[in-house]
């Protein structure tokens, strides 16, 4: 034989990782992903569906939207035009609404804004609100008032068929759950909500 390097005998294949240890590791990973998903749902974003026609034509019955929850939680507030999801305010709870329910409307004025409804239109700070997003002229009036600190005025886009701030007053920001940011169902209307003007296709 030559003096070359010796050839080591082949290493037997290792036993497959299994048994109780492998199963526990897999269960731990699954549990971790479940916890991450729940954490995101509770604190960052959660899905919601539209149960009524108060936001027509912007949001249709049974539309599914994603709601971003960080803005209200960290006190950054919401801007005029955003679509918000919120718990029923005290006036609605007194009328029998479940405190844990969720409603959806559009912010049309924020703290410090002077608002009124006259001639079928919403007026904000002395001028007609533009864009207004209203489905049709409003068939009610609202005496001029200033939105108090820490509150917002919310109306449905389907103004004449919406149980909103024109009936029960401004909404405390503490009741906000989050802002609707994306419609993910149906796929034909997949895209952002609450950012664009009606002319830009939000009402499509």
Protein backbone atom coordinates (compact mmCIF):
# COMPACT_ATOMS: atom_id res chain seq x y z
CA UNK A 1 0.00 0.00 0.00
CA UNK A 2 1.08 3.58 -0.53
CA UNK A 3 1.82 6.09 2.15
CA UNK A 4 -1.13 8.38 1.37
CA UNK A 5 -3.61 9.51 3.99
CA UNK A 6 -5.76 6.89 5.54
CA UNK A 7 -9.38 6.82 4.56
CA UNK A 8 -11.69 7.11 7.53
CA UNK A 9 -14.61 4.74 7.67
CA UNK A 10 -17.95 6.36 6.69
CA UNK A 11 -19.81 8.05 9.53
CA UNK A 12 -23.13 6.38 10.21
CA UNK A 13 -26.10 8.70 9.52
CA UNK A 14 -27.34 10.50 12.59
CA UNK A 15 -30.65 9.54 13.96
CA UNK A 16 -33.46 11.86 12.87
CA UNK A 17 -34.35 14.56 15.36
CA UNK A 18 -37.64 13.59 16.76
CA UNK A 19 -39.22 12.31 19.85
CA UNK A 20 -40.50 14.47 22.66
CA UNK A 21 -37.71 17.07 22.32
CA UNK A 22 -38.40 17.79 18.65
CA UNK A 23 -42.13 17.97 19.20
CA UNK A 24 -41.68 20.45 22.05
CA UNK A 25 -39.50 22.67 19.87
CA UNK A 26 -42.11 22.70 17.13
CA UNK A 27 -44.87 23.51 19.60
CA UNK A 28 -42.77 26.33 21.05
CA UNK A 29 -42.25 27.88 17.61
CA UNK A 30 -45.95 27.63 16.83
CA UNK A 31 -46.85 29.21 20.15
CA UNK A 32 -44.36 32.03 19.51
CA UNK A 33 -45.92 32.83 16.14
CA UNK A 34 -49.39 32.77 17.65
CA UNK A 35 -48.29 35.19 20.38
CA UNK A 36 -46.71 37.53 17.82
CA UNK A 37 -49.91 37.49 15.74
CA UNK A 38 -52.06 38.21 18.79
CA UNK A 39 -49.74 41.00 19.90
CA UNK A 40 -49.97 42.64 16.49
CA UNK A 41 -53.76 42.32 16.51
CA UNK A 42 -54.15 43.77 19.98
CA UNK A 43 -51.69 46.64 19.66
CA UNK A 44 -50.94 47.45 16.01
CA UNK A 45 -53.54 46.41 13.44
CA UNK A 46 -56.71 44.37 13.38
CA UNK A 47 -59.31 43.38 10.78
CA UNK A 48 -62.85 44.72 10.91
CA UNK A 49 -65.91 44.28 8.73
CA UNK A 50 -68.57 46.86 7.80
CA UNK A 51 -71.97 45.93 9.29
CA UNK A 52 -74.11 48.88 8.09
CA UNK A 53 -74.63 51.31 5.23
CA UNK A 54 -73.69 54.46 7.16
CA UNK A 55 -70.43 54.85 5.20
CA UNK A 56 -71.87 54.35 1.71
CA UNK A 57 -70.65 54.79 -0.93
CA UNK A 58 -67.08 54.80 0.43
CA UNK A 59 -67.44 51.53 2.33
CA UNK A 60 -69.93 48.90 1.28
CA UNK A 61 -71.76 46.39 3.45
CA UNK A 62 -69.50 43.44 4.33
CA UNK A 63 -66.29 45.22 3.22
CA UNK A 64 -63.26 44.08 5.23
CA UNK A 65 -60.79 46.72 6.38
CA UNK A 66 -57.59 46.84 8.40
CA UNK A 67 -57.57 49.22 11.36
CA UNK A 68 -54.32 50.81 12.55
CA UNK A 69 -54.38 51.23 16.34
CA UNK A 70 -51.15 53.06 17.18
CA UNK A 71 -52.23 56.66 16.51
CA UNK A 72 -54.91 56.87 19.23
CA UNK A 73 -52.86 54.78 21.64
CA UNK A 74 -49.85 57.11 21.55
CA UNK A 75 -51.88 60.31 21.50
CA UNK A 76 -50.85 61.44 18.02
CA UNK A 77 -54.48 62.13 17.25
CA UNK A 78 -56.38 61.83 13.99
CA UNK A 79 -56.72 64.29 11.14
CA UNK A 80 -59.82 65.56 9.41
CA UNK A 81 -60.88 63.17 6.67
CA UNK A 82 -59.66 59.98 8.32
CA UNK A 83 -62.08 57.09 8.80
CA UNK A 84 -62.04 55.95 12.40
CA UNK A 85 -63.29 52.96 14.37
CA UNK A 86 -64.43 53.65 17.93
CA UNK A 87 -66.32 52.31 20.91
CA UNK A 88 -69.85 53.67 21.40
CA UNK A 89 -69.71 56.92 23.39
CA UNK A 90 -71.57 57.31 26.68
CA UNK A 91 -74.75 58.60 25.01
CA UNK A 92 -75.05 55.46 22.88
CA UNK A 93 -74.20 53.17 25.78
CA UNK A 94 -77.02 54.75 27.76
CA UNK A 95 -79.31 53.99 24.81
CA UNK A 96 -78.38 50.30 25.05
CA UNK A 97 -75.29 49.93 22.85
CA UNK A 98 -72.75 47.32 23.91
CA UNK A 99 -69.66 49.17 25.29
CA UNK A 100 -67.45 46.61 23.54
CA UNK A 101 -69.00 47.18 20.12
CA UNK A 102 -67.20 49.05 17.34
CA UNK A 103 -68.60 51.77 15.07
CA UNK A 104 -67.03 53.39 12.02
CA UNK A 105 -67.38 57.00 10.78
CA UNK A 106 -65.30 59.79 9.23
CA UNK A 107 -63.66 62.60 11.19
CA UNK A 108 -65.01 65.86 9.76
CA UNK A 109 -63.68 68.26 12.41
CA UNK A 110 -61.15 68.22 15.24
CA UNK A 111 -60.76 70.10 18.52
CA UNK A 112 -60.96 73.86 18.03
CA UNK A 113 -62.88 73.72 14.73
CA UNK A 114 -66.10 75.72 14.51
CA UNK A 115 -68.70 73.63 12.72
CA UNK A 116 -72.30 73.88 11.61
CA UNK A 117 -74.65 72.29 9.09
CA UNK A 118 -76.77 74.61 6.99
CA UNK A 119 -78.21 74.51 3.51
CA UNK A 120 -77.54 70.78 3.31
CA UNK A 121 -73.78 71.28 3.72
CA UNK A 122 -71.17 70.96 6.43
CA UNK A 123 -69.38 74.22 7.24
CA UNK A 124 -66.04 74.25 9.04
CA UNK A 125 -64.42 77.43 10.33
CA UNK A 126 -66.75 79.63 8.31
CA UNK A 127 -66.37 77.95 4.91
CA UNK A 128 -67.96 74.90 3.27
CA UNK A 129 -65.97 71.77 4.11
CA UNK A 130 -63.97 70.52 1.13
CA UNK A 131 -63.82 67.69 0.41
CA UNK A 132 -67.01 66.75 2.20
CA UNK A 133 -67.42 63.05 1.21
CA UNK A 134 -71.18 63.31 1.76
CA UNK A 135 -73.25 60.97 -0.36
CA UNK A 136 -75.97 63.60 -0.75
CA UNK A 137 -77.01 66.96 0.76
CA UNK A 138 -77.83 66.67 4.44
CA UNK A 139 -81.52 66.92 5.34
CA UNK A 140 -80.81 68.25 8.84
CA UNK A 141 -79.23 71.30 10.43
CA UNK A 142 -76.65 71.73 13.17
CA UNK A 143 -76.23 74.92 15.15
CA UNK A 144 -72.72 76.42 15.17
CA UNK A 145 -70.40 75.18 17.93
CA UNK A 146 -66.72 74.64 18.60
CA UNK A 147 -65.43 71.07 18.96
CA UNK A 148 -64.13 70.76 22.56
CA UNK A 149 -60.54 69.79 23.43
CA UNK A 150 -59.86 66.05 23.29
CA UNK A 151 -62.83 65.38 21.02
CA UNK A 152 -63.60 65.03 17.31
CA UNK A 153 -66.73 65.33 15.20
CA UNK A 154 -67.56 62.16 13.24
CA UNK A 155 -70.18 61.71 10.54
CA UNK A 156 -71.05 58.88 8.21
CA UNK A 157 -70.55 59.49 4.50
CA UNK A 158 -74.17 58.38 4.09
CA UNK A 159 -75.15 61.41 6.18
CA UNK A 160 -78.93 61.00 6.13
CA UNK A 161 -78.78 57.37 7.29
CA UNK A 162 -76.05 57.55 9.91
CA UNK A 163 -76.23 57.52 13.70
CA UNK A 164 -73.34 59.89 14.30
CA UNK A 165 -72.17 63.10 15.97
CA UNK A 166 -75.04 65.19 14.64
CA UNK A 167 -77.28 63.17 16.97
CA UNK A 168 -75.12 62.37 19.99
CA UNK A 169 -72.40 65.04 19.90
CA UNK A 170 -68.61 65.05 19.54
CA UNK A 171 -66.66 61.85 20.13
CA UNK A 172 -64.06 61.71 22.93
CA UNK A 173 -60.69 60.67 21.50
CA UNK A 174 -60.42 58.21 24.40
CA UNK A 175 -63.13 56.13 22.68
CA UNK A 176 -61.09 55.73 19.49
CA UNK A 177 -59.89 52.23 18.58
CA UNK A 178 -57.96 53.21 15.46
CA UNK A 179 -58.08 54.45 11.89
CA UNK A 180 -59.17 52.39 8.89
CA UNK A 181 -56.23 52.29 6.49
CA UNK A 182 -56.75 49.48 3.99
CA UNK A 183 -59.64 47.56 2.41
CA UNK A 184 -58.54 43.99 1.78
CA UNK A 185 -61.88 42.52 0.71
CA UNK A 186 -63.45 42.36 -1.79
CA UNK A 187 -60.41 42.17 -4.02
CA UNK A 188 -62.09 44.32 -6.66
CA UNK A 189 -61.87 47.27 -4.24
CA UNK A 190 -58.52 46.30 -2.67
CA UNK A 191 -56.61 49.40 -1.61
CA UNK A 192 -56.24 52.27 0.89
CA UNK A 193 -59.20 54.01 2.52
CA UNK A 194 -59.46 57.26 4.41
CA UNK A 195 -56.65 59.11 2.63
CA UNK A 196 -57.82 60.16 -0.82
CA UNK A 197 -60.55 62.54 -1.93
CA UNK A 198 -63.79 61.18 -3.44
CA UNK A 199 -62.62 62.39 -6.88
CA UNK A 200 -59.50 60.26 -6.50
CA UNK A 201 -61.58 57.11 -6.45
CA UNK A 202 -62.20 56.41 -2.78
CA UNK A 203 -65.94 56.36 -3.37
CA UNK A 204 -65.67 53.89 -6.22
